[in-house]
Amino acid sequence: MKPIIHFRITYLILTLLMIVFGLASRKYDYMLIEIVADNAGDALWAAMVYFGTRFIFVTKKPHISFYISLFFCFGIEFSQLYQGQWMNSIRGNTLGALILGRGFLIEDLWRYTLGVVVAYLCDALCNKFLKQTTS
């Protein structure tokens, strides 16, 4: 397999892991300390967006995915200020609520920023490590 395929598979797996961890953080929030239970879901959602963006733009520099992810996450959050009937009907089902959220919270912008920053830093550190071990 070509190296790009390896990276795509890696980013796909990371995206799926963020989904699993994010859903688990909501379902098992009672097992987590309060600060983690309150913030992990949104941060993991943003990390999922970052890794999904890396999957799509695998040949681009990571900072491109960083900015696209933040823009996307912030766009979704600000879209929650619109409470039109058609949009709320989409948000009324589980998948719609997971993707679009329900209501605007300024705290979510910090959570998304944290999730994207941590995912970006992990990505950068892993890529740096991989380059050092293959050189």
C-alpha atoms as a PDB file:
ATOM      1  CA  MET A   1       0.000   0.000   0.000  1.00  0.00           C
ATOM      2  CA  LYS A   2       1.104   3.534  -0.665  1.00  0.00           C
ATOM      3  CA  PRO A   3       1.896   5.759   2.336  1.00  0.00           C
ATOM      4  CA  ILE A   4      -1.118   8.019   1.652  1.00  0.00           C
ATOM      5  CA  ILE A   5      -3.409   5.009   2.037  1.00  0.00           C
ATOM      6  CA  HIS A   6      -1.783   4.244   5.404  1.00  0.00           C
ATOM      7  CA  PHE A   7      -2.411   7.799   6.553  1.00  0.00           C
ATOM      8  CA  ARG A   8      -6.025   7.729   5.323  1.00  0.00           C
ATOM      9  CA  ILE A   9      -6.664   4.484   7.179  1.00  0.00           C
ATOM     10  CA  THR A  10      -5.055   5.933  10.317  1.00  0.00           C
ATOM     11  CA  TYR A  11      -7.179   9.087  10.170  1.00  0.00           C
ATOM     12  CA  LEU A  12     -10.316   7.057   9.499  1.00  0.00           C
ATOM     13  CA  ILE A  13      -9.600   4.885  12.548  1.00  0.00           C
ATOM     14  CA  LEU A  14      -8.925   7.985  14.672  1.00  0.00           C
ATOM     15  CA  THR A  15     -12.167   9.558  13.458  1.00  0.00           C
ATOM     16  CA  LEU A  16     -14.120   6.439  14.392  1.00  0.00           C
ATOM     17  CA  LEU A  17     -12.365   6.236  17.776  1.00  0.00           C
ATOM     18  CA  MET A  18     -13.346   9.839  18.551  1.00  0.00           C
ATOM     19  CA  ILE A  19     -16.960   8.942  17.748  1.00  0.00           C
ATOM     20  CA  VAL A  20     -16.849   5.923  20.074  1.00  0.00           C
ATOM     21  CA  PHE A  21     -15.117   7.860  22.879  1.00  0.00           C
ATOM     22  CA  GLY A  22     -17.471  10.829  22.432  1.00  0.00           C
ATOM     23  CA  LEU A  23     -20.597   8.684  22.624  1.00  0.00           C
ATOM     24  CA  ALA A  24     -19.150   6.787  25.593  1.00  0.00           C
ATOM     25  CA  SER A  25     -18.393  10.071  27.370  1.00  0.00           C
ATOM     26  CA  ARG A  26     -22.097  10.940  27.143  1.00  0.00           C
ATOM     27  CA  LYS A  27     -23.461   7.511  28.011  1.00  0.00           C
ATOM     28  CA  TYR A  28     -21.079   6.869  30.917  1.00  0.00           C
ATOM     29  CA  ASP A  29     -20.711  10.440  32.151  1.00  0.00           C
ATOM     30  CA  TYR A  30     -21.601   9.322  35.668  1.00  0.00           C
ATOM     31  CA  MET A  31     -18.305   7.382  35.764  1.00  0.00           C
ATOM     32  CA  LEU A  32     -16.213  10.461  34.943  1.00  0.00           C
ATOM     33  CA  ILE A  33     -15.153  13.353  37.095  1.00  0.00           C
ATOM     34  CA  GLU A  34     -17.452  16.321  36.613  1.00  0.00           C
ATOM     35  CA  ILE A  35     -15.121  18.526  34.574  1.00  0.00           C
ATOM     36  CA  VAL A  36     -14.411  15.679  32.132  1.00  0.00           C
ATOM     37  CA  ALA A  37     -18.070  14.658  31.928  1.00  0.00           C
ATOM     38  CA  ASP A  38     -19.096  18.254  31.191  1.00  0.00           C
ATOM     39  CA  ASN A  39     -16.495  18.913  28.492  1.00  0.00           C
ATOM     40  CA  ALA A  40     -15.263  15.670  26.930  1.00  0.00           C
ATOM     41  CA  GLY A  41     -18.125  15.102  24.499  1.00  0.00           C
ATOM     42  CA  ASP A  42     -17.726  18.426  22.719  1.00  0.00           C
ATOM     43  CA  ALA A  43     -13.924  18.272  22.729  1.00  0.00           C
ATOM     44  CA  LEU A  44     -14.002  14.742  21.308  1.00  0.00           C
ATOM     45  CA  TRP A  45     -16.544  15.821  18.676  1.00  0.00           C
ATOM     46  CA  ALA A  46     -14.152  18.581  17.587  1.00  0.00           C
ATOM     47  CA  ALA A  47     -11.224  16.110  17.550  1.00  0.00           C
ATOM     48  CA  MET A  48     -13.366  13.857  15.354  1.00  0.00           C
ATOM     49  CA  VAL A  49     -13.926  16.765  12.984  1.00  0.00           C
ATOM     50  CA  TYR A  50     -10.154  17.400  12.877  1.00  0.00           C
ATOM     51  CA  PHE A  51      -9.257  13.769  12.138  1.00  0.00           C
ATOM     52  CA  GLY A  52     -12.057  13.557   9.578  1.00  0.00           C
ATOM     53  CA  THR A  53     -10.691  16.662   7.916  1.00  0.00           C
ATOM     54  CA  ARG A  54      -7.210  15.127   7.911  1.00  0.00           C
ATOM     55  CA  PHE A  55      -8.722  12.021   6.290  1.00  0.00           C
ATOM     56  CA  ILE A  56     -10.132  14.189   3.486  1.00  0.00           C
ATOM     57  CA  PHE A  57      -7.098  16.477   3.128  1.00  0.00           C
ATOM     58  CA  VAL A  58      -4.382  13.927   3.902  1.00  0.00           C
ATOM     59  CA  THR A  59      -1.931  15.430   1.396  1.00  0.00           C
ATOM     60  CA  LYS A  60      -2.300  18.973   2.776  1.00  0.00           C
ATOM     61  CA  LYS A  61      -0.397  20.428   5.706  1.00  0.00           C
ATOM     62  CA  PRO A  62      -2.002  19.724   9.110  1.00  0.00           C
ATOM     63  CA  HIS A  63      -2.580  23.415   9.816  1.00  0.00           C
ATOM     64  CA  ILE A  64      -5.048  23.499   6.897  1.00  0.00           C
ATOM     65  CA  SER A  65      -7.150  20.853   8.667  1.00  0.00           C
ATOM     66  CA  PHE A  66      -6.732  22.777  11.919  1.00  0.00           C
ATOM     67  CA  TYR A  67      -8.313  25.930  10.480  1.00  0.00           C
ATOM     68  CA  ILE A  68     -11.000  24.091   8.507  1.00  0.00           C
ATOM     69  CA  SER A  69     -11.967  22.136  11.635  1.00  0.00           C
ATOM     70  CA  LEU A  70     -12.233  25.225  13.816  1.00  0.00           C
ATOM     71  CA  PHE A  71     -14.238  27.026  11.131  1.00  0.00           C
ATOM     72  CA  PHE A  72     -16.583  24.037  10.778  1.00  0.00           C
ATOM     73  CA  CYS A  73     -17.057  23.574  14.546  1.00  0.00           C
ATOM     74  CA  PHE A  74     -17.663  27.282  15.127  1.00  0.00           C
ATOM     75  CA  GLY A  75     -20.023  27.375  12.148  1.00  0.00           C
ATOM     76  CA  ILE A  76     -22.088  24.521  13.567  1.00  0.00           C
ATOM     77  CA  GLU A  77     -22.230  26.230  16.960  1.00  0.00           C
ATOM     78  CA  PHE A  78     -23.275  29.591  15.537  1.00  0.00           C
ATOM     79  CA  SER A  79     -25.882  27.842  13.366  1.00  0.00           C
ATOM     80  CA  GLN A  80     -27.596  26.911  16.629  1.00  0.00           C
ATOM     81  CA  LEU A  81     -28.588  30.544  17.026  1.00  0.00           C
ATOM     82  CA  TYR A  82     -31.043  29.881  14.200  1.00  0.00           C
ATOM     83  CA  GLN A  83     -34.070  28.071  15.562  1.00  0.00           C
ATOM     84  CA  GLY A  84     -36.204  27.679  12.446  1.00  0.00           C
ATOM     85  CA  GLN A  85     -38.834  24.941  12.489  1.00  0.00           C
ATOM     86  CA  TRP A  86     -37.217  22.928   9.694  1.00  0.00           C
ATOM     87  CA  MET A  87     -33.806  23.081  11.395  1.00  0.00           C
ATOM     88  CA  ASN A  88     -35.251  22.135  14.770  1.00  0.00           C
ATOM     89  CA  SER A  89     -36.983  19.147  13.192  1.00  0.00           C
ATOM     90  CA  ILE A  90     -33.553  17.934  12.027  1.00  0.00           C
ATOM     91  CA  ARG A  91     -32.135  18.576  15.498  1.00  0.00           C
ATOM     92  CA  GLY A  92     -35.091  16.682  16.949  1.00  0.00           C
ATOM     93  CA  ASN A  93     -33.679  13.283  16.003  1.00  0.00           C
ATOM     94  CA  THR A  94     -30.599  11.744  17.578  1.00  0.00           C
ATOM     95  CA  LEU A  95     -28.289  11.951  14.567  1.00  0.00           C
ATOM     96  CA  GLY A  96     -29.307  15.528  13.813  1.00  0.00           C
ATOM     97  CA  ALA A  97     -28.706  16.541  17.423  1.00  0.00           C
ATOM     98  CA  LEU A  98     -25.284  14.842  17.471  1.00  0.00           C
ATOM     99  CA  ILE A  99     -24.189  16.643  14.317  1.00  0.00           C
ATOM    100  CA  LEU A 100     -25.913  20.027  14.668  1.00  0.00           C
ATOM    101  CA  GLY A 101     -26.372  20.340  18.432  1.00  0.00           C
ATOM    102  CA  ARG A 102     -29.434  21.907  19.979  1.00  0.00           C
ATOM    103  CA  GLY A 103     -28.678  25.352  21.354  1.00  0.00           C
ATOM    104  CA  PHE A 104     -25.845  27.868  21.266  1.00  0.00           C
ATOM    105  CA  LEU A 105     -23.441  27.806  24.220  1.00  0.00           C
ATOM    106  CA  ILE A 106     -20.407  30.080  24.268  1.00  0.00           C
ATOM    107  CA  GLU A 107     -18.579  27.454  26.362  1.00  0.00           C
ATOM    108  CA  ASP A 108     -18.779  25.045  23.445  1.00  0.00           C
ATOM    109  CA  LEU A 109     -16.456  27.295  21.440  1.00  0.00           C
ATOM    110  CA  TRP A 110     -13.768  26.741  24.095  1.00  0.00           C
ATOM    111  CA  ARG A 111     -14.446  23.002  24.141  1.00  0.00           C
ATOM    112  CA  TYR A 112     -14.180  22.787  20.354  1.00  0.00           C
ATOM    113  CA  THR A 113     -10.978  24.807  20.383  1.00  0.00           C
ATOM    114  CA  LEU A 114      -9.500  22.496  23.014  1.00  0.00           C
ATOM    115  CA  GLY A 115     -10.497  19.384  21.054  1.00  0.00           C
ATOM    116  CA  VAL A 116      -9.042  20.648  17.778  1.00  0.00           C
ATOM    117  CA  VAL A 117      -5.839  21.922  19.429  1.00  0.00           C
ATOM    118  CA  VAL A 118      -5.221  18.633  21.261  1.00  0.00           C
ATOM    119  CA  ALA A 119      -5.936  16.584  18.122  1.00  0.00           C
ATOM    120  CA  TYR A 120      -3.652  18.839  16.059  1.00  0.00           C
ATOM    121  CA  LEU A 121      -0.830  18.612  18.604  1.00  0.00           C
ATOM    122  CA  CYS A 122      -1.147  14.818  18.846  1.00  0.00           C
ATOM    123  CA  ASP A 123      -1.134  14.610  15.055  1.00  0.00           C
ATOM    124  CA  ALA A 124       1.930  16.863  14.801  1.00  0.00           C
ATOM    125  CA  LEU A 125       3.821  14.946  17.491  1.00  0.00           C
ATOM    126  CA  CYS A 126       3.017  11.564  15.936  1.00  0.00           C
ATOM    127  CA  ASN A 127       4.043  12.763  12.480  1.00  0.00           C
ATOM    128  CA  LYS A 128       7.271  14.201  13.857  1.00  0.00           C
ATOM    129  CA  PHE A 129       8.004  10.927  15.647  1.00  0.00           C
ATOM    130  CA  LEU A 130       7.257   8.909  12.507  1.00  0.00           C
ATOM    131  CA  LYS A 131       9.563  11.088  10.418  1.00  0.00           C
ATOM    132  CA  GLN A 132      12.369  10.658  12.965  1.00  0.00           C
ATOM    133  CA  THR A 133      12.003   6.881  13.084  1.00  0.00           C
ATOM    134  CA  THR A 134      11.882   6.507   9.295  1.00  0.00           C
ATOM    135  CA  SER A 135      14.878   8.767   8.623  1.00  0.00           C
END
